[in-house]
């Protein structure tokens, strides 16, 4: 079963429009079963790819690259409640002590 148009639009709003392809997103959805899990897997993979290489490097003052902010942004997005199946605050009776 493929993502609905609304679900695909939501996934794209979280992971962007360039990659993965819609077919790849649908395959991931078939395997994992929820749009949130699809987003999490895409972002997890991106984070893994970024952290597999040095976060910063430079070449003799000619070129430098720093992906630290990208890593932090992906970590923040992975911690976001809307991709973790939480769409509203927990009721007071669940959080009161």
C-alpha atoms as a PDB file:
ATOM      1  CA  UNK A   1       0.000   0.000   0.000  1.00  0.00           C
ATOM      2  CA  UNK A   2       1.397   3.399  -0.977  1.00  0.00           C
ATOM      3  CA  UNK A   3       1.400   6.619   1.002  1.00  0.00           C
ATOM      4  CA  UNK A   4      -1.725   8.691   0.409  1.00  0.00           C
ATOM      5  CA  UNK A   5      -1.250  12.036  -1.324  1.00  0.00           C
ATOM      6  CA  UNK A   6      -1.700  13.844   2.012  1.00  0.00           C
ATOM      7  CA  UNK A   7       0.770  11.550   3.781  1.00  0.00           C
ATOM      8  CA  UNK A   8       3.296  11.909   0.963  1.00  0.00           C
ATOM      9  CA  UNK A   9       2.996  15.697   1.163  1.00  0.00           C
ATOM     10  CA  UNK A  10       3.586  15.538   4.922  1.00  0.00           C
ATOM     11  CA  UNK A  11       6.624  13.252   4.497  1.00  0.00           C
ATOM     12  CA  UNK A  12       8.018  15.571   1.820  1.00  0.00           C
ATOM     13  CA  UNK A  13       7.551  18.546   4.149  1.00  0.00           C
ATOM     14  CA  UNK A  14       9.858  16.774   6.617  1.00  0.00           C
ATOM     15  CA  UNK A  15      12.487  15.258   4.302  1.00  0.00           C
ATOM     16  CA  UNK A  16      12.464  17.538   1.260  1.00  0.00           C
ATOM     17  CA  UNK A  17      11.560  16.933  -2.344  1.00  0.00           C
ATOM     18  CA  UNK A  18      14.853  15.882  -3.946  1.00  0.00           C
ATOM     19  CA  UNK A  19      15.497  12.458  -2.419  1.00  0.00           C
ATOM     20  CA  UNK A  20      14.467   9.774  -1.810  1.00  0.00           C
ATOM     21  CA  UNK A  21      12.136   9.190  -4.716  1.00  0.00           C
ATOM     22  CA  UNK A  22       8.421   8.706  -4.201  1.00  0.00           C
ATOM     23  CA  UNK A  23       8.838   5.030  -5.109  1.00  0.00           C
ATOM     24  CA  UNK A  24      11.529   4.653  -2.432  1.00  0.00           C
ATOM     25  CA  UNK A  25       9.329   6.398   0.133  1.00  0.00           C
ATOM     26  CA  UNK A  26       6.438   4.078  -0.748  1.00  0.00           C
ATOM     27  CA  UNK A  27       8.694   1.014  -0.392  1.00  0.00           C
ATOM     28  CA  UNK A  28       9.830   2.242   3.006  1.00  0.00           C
ATOM     29  CA  UNK A  29       6.213   2.868   4.016  1.00  0.00           C
ATOM     30  CA  UNK A  30       5.263  -0.671   2.948  1.00  0.00           C
ATOM     31  CA  UNK A  31       8.083  -2.051   5.094  1.00  0.00           C
ATOM     32  CA  UNK A  32       7.625   0.164   8.167  1.00  0.00           C
ATOM     33  CA  UNK A  33       3.896   0.917   8.114  1.00  0.00           C
ATOM     34  CA  UNK A  34       3.726   4.556   9.247  1.00  0.00           C
ATOM     35  CA  UNK A  35       4.598   7.904   7.713  1.00  0.00           C
ATOM     36  CA  UNK A  36       6.447   8.866  10.912  1.00  0.00           C
ATOM     37  CA  UNK A  37       8.663   5.784  10.628  1.00  0.00           C
ATOM     38  CA  UNK A  38       9.422   6.699   7.002  1.00  0.00           C
ATOM     39  CA  UNK A  39      10.545  10.184   8.016  1.00  0.00           C
ATOM     40  CA  UNK A  40      12.586   8.830  10.916  1.00  0.00           C
ATOM     41  CA  UNK A  41      14.408   6.332   8.679  1.00  0.00           C
ATOM     42  CA  UNK A  42      15.230   8.956   6.042  1.00  0.00           C
ATOM     43  CA  UNK A  43      16.516  11.391   8.665  1.00  0.00           C
ATOM     44  CA  UNK A  44      18.410   8.655  10.540  1.00  0.00           C
ATOM     45  CA  UNK A  45      20.159   7.704   7.310  1.00  0.00           C
ATOM     46  CA  UNK A  46      21.061  11.315   6.559  1.00  0.00           C
ATOM     47  CA  UNK A  47      22.424  11.763  10.075  1.00  0.00           C
ATOM     48  CA  UNK A  48      24.441   8.550   9.798  1.00  0.00           C
ATOM     49  CA  UNK A  49      25.915   9.703   6.491  1.00  0.00           C
ATOM     50  CA  UNK A  50      26.883  13.086   7.935  1.00  0.00           C
ATOM     51  CA  UNK A  51      28.440  11.683  11.091  1.00  0.00           C
ATOM     52  CA  UNK A  52      30.428   9.064   9.157  1.00  0.00           C
ATOM     53  CA  UNK A  53      32.634  11.872   7.837  1.00  0.00           C
ATOM     54  CA  UNK A  54      34.449  14.651   9.682  1.00  0.00           C
ATOM     55  CA  UNK A  55      32.073  17.440  10.685  1.00  0.00           C
ATOM     56  CA  UNK A  56      34.639  20.094   9.790  1.00  0.00           C
ATOM     57  CA  UNK A  57      37.606  20.313   7.474  1.00  0.00           C
ATOM     58  CA  UNK A  58      39.582  22.895   5.544  1.00  0.00           C
ATOM     59  CA  UNK A  59      42.184  22.876   2.800  1.00  0.00           C
ATOM     60  CA  UNK A  60      44.996  25.395   3.244  1.00  0.00           C
ATOM     61  CA  UNK A  61      42.617  28.301   3.749  1.00  0.00           C
ATOM     62  CA  UNK A  62      41.218  27.754   0.255  1.00  0.00           C
ATOM     63  CA  UNK A  63      38.145  25.800   1.206  1.00  0.00           C
ATOM     64  CA  UNK A  64      36.442  24.883   4.428  1.00  0.00           C
ATOM     65  CA  UNK A  65      33.316  22.983   5.264  1.00  0.00           C
ATOM     66  CA  UNK A  66      31.431  22.647   8.526  1.00  0.00           C
ATOM     67  CA  UNK A  67      28.363  20.430   8.734  1.00  0.00           C
ATOM     68  CA  UNK A  68      27.983  20.700  12.512  1.00  0.00           C
ATOM     69  CA  UNK A  69      24.857  22.828  12.157  1.00  0.00           C
ATOM     70  CA  UNK A  70      23.352  20.267   9.766  1.00  0.00           C
ATOM     71  CA  UNK A  71      24.044  17.476  12.244  1.00  0.00           C
ATOM     72  CA  UNK A  72      22.420  19.470  15.062  1.00  0.00           C
ATOM     73  CA  UNK A  73      19.409  20.295  12.875  1.00  0.00           C
ATOM     74  CA  UNK A  74      18.883  16.620  11.989  1.00  0.00           C
ATOM     75  CA  UNK A  75      19.205  15.613  15.644  1.00  0.00           C
ATOM     76  CA  UNK A  76      16.623  18.242  16.584  1.00  0.00           C
ATOM     77  CA  UNK A  77      14.278  17.127  13.828  1.00  0.00           C
ATOM     78  CA  UNK A  78      14.622  13.488  14.907  1.00  0.00           C
ATOM     79  CA  UNK A  79      13.601  14.534  18.414  1.00  0.00           C
ATOM     80  CA  UNK A  80      10.590  16.438  17.101  1.00  0.00           C
ATOM     81  CA  UNK A  81       7.263  15.274  18.508  1.00  0.00           C
ATOM     82  CA  UNK A  82       5.454  15.297  15.163  1.00  0.00           C
ATOM     83  CA  UNK A  83       7.648  12.537  13.726  1.00  0.00           C
ATOM     84  CA  UNK A  84       7.504  10.524  16.914  1.00  0.00           C
ATOM     85  CA  UNK A  85       3.734  10.101  16.796  1.00  0.00           C
ATOM     86  CA  UNK A  86       3.002  12.783  19.390  1.00  0.00           C
ATOM     87  CA  UNK A  87       0.724  15.439  18.013  1.00  0.00           C
ATOM     88  CA  UNK A  88      -0.430  17.112  21.197  1.00  0.00           C
ATOM     89  CA  UNK A  89       0.643  17.597  24.775  1.00  0.00           C
ATOM     90  CA  UNK A  90      -0.078  14.798  27.214  1.00  0.00           C
ATOM     91  CA  UNK A  91      -3.115  15.381  29.441  1.00  0.00           C
ATOM     92  CA  UNK A  92      -2.366  16.862  32.871  1.00  0.00           C
ATOM     93  CA  UNK A  93      -3.374  13.675  34.661  1.00  0.00           C
ATOM     94  CA  UNK A  94      -0.527  11.862  32.902  1.00  0.00           C
ATOM     95  CA  UNK A  95       2.118  14.431  33.801  1.00  0.00           C
ATOM     96  CA  UNK A  96       0.951  15.618  37.230  1.00  0.00           C
ATOM     97  CA  UNK A  97       2.956  14.408  40.215  1.00  0.00           C
END
